[in-house]
Amino acid sequence: MVTARSVTVDFVTKSDLPACLSTVGVYDACYVAASAGYLKLIERIWDEIEYKNLVSDGAALSNTQRDRRLWLLDTQGFYDAETAEIRLATGRVISVYISSQRVWCNGTACDLEFLRPLSDPLPQQQFVSIGDAKRRAMFSGRLRANLATMDALNQEILIRRMLSLVAEGTVLVIHRCKSSEIETSLRAITEPLSPFEVANNRIATQISYDFAGLDLRIVQDILLQIAGEIWRIIISCNNPEVGDMLRSLVAEFAMPGPIMID
């Protein structure tokens, strides 16, 4: 049966742009639908946010900017190209333009949003190969099995998110590490990633990364190379605290390649 809700949901999910549909509310708005572009932008799979709260479980930030946008929807039914901040799954906050329209779906008021990042993704050619390819890690059997059950979109979102978390986690370990030798090794891992550093709008002193402009194959290659370098450090590390911190970054998804053990 064709309904206003089903047509609108279909329109959103098939959109080539980052778009989402949500119920109306300052504190209790919930996701109804989202496009692949939106899910990639916020680095979440649909199962994580389906019918969940936009603020507590999703990308929306409760602030005066959002209050103003909701007021515009309440009073005039739409707004165009408003500047906003949204939160990615990794916790990083980015600035976007949002245009929105108040729509009615089977008698329920909903907000239809289209988003565009303020800054363009970094170009793919800025990638710099990291380390010796022989030091690559491998995805664990459990992760490979999980990836096999996911569709291509969810696989891509998961791998991109993992790279962001591992890269940012490595920077945090550098700040907590008291061994100059290990710190030097970790900096050698993160230094080639400097072209992808971006400002963290919420924590000015924290380094964040944006790999949105990279092909998925390259993202996966970087992730495995970083994991391989971290495993190399873990294997030779005589500092249990640092070893545990590093292991927490990679043990859930990777294992060292056999060549690293010889």
Foldseek 3Di string as FASTA:
>chain_A
DDFQLVVVQVCAQPDPFFKFKWFDDLWQIATDHTYLNVCLVQLHDCVQGHRHTCDPRHWADRDVQVVVQSVCCVPPFWDFQRWDWTAHPLGFIFIWTKTWGWDATPNTIMIMITIDGPDDADAAVLQDDADDLLLFWAWDPVVVVVLVVDDPSNNLSVLLSLLFQLLQLLVVLLVVDPDPVVNVLSCSLNVSQVVFWDARPVDRVGTTGDPPNHDSVVSNSSSRNSLSSLVLCLVVDPDVVSNVSSCVSRVVTTDTDPVSVD
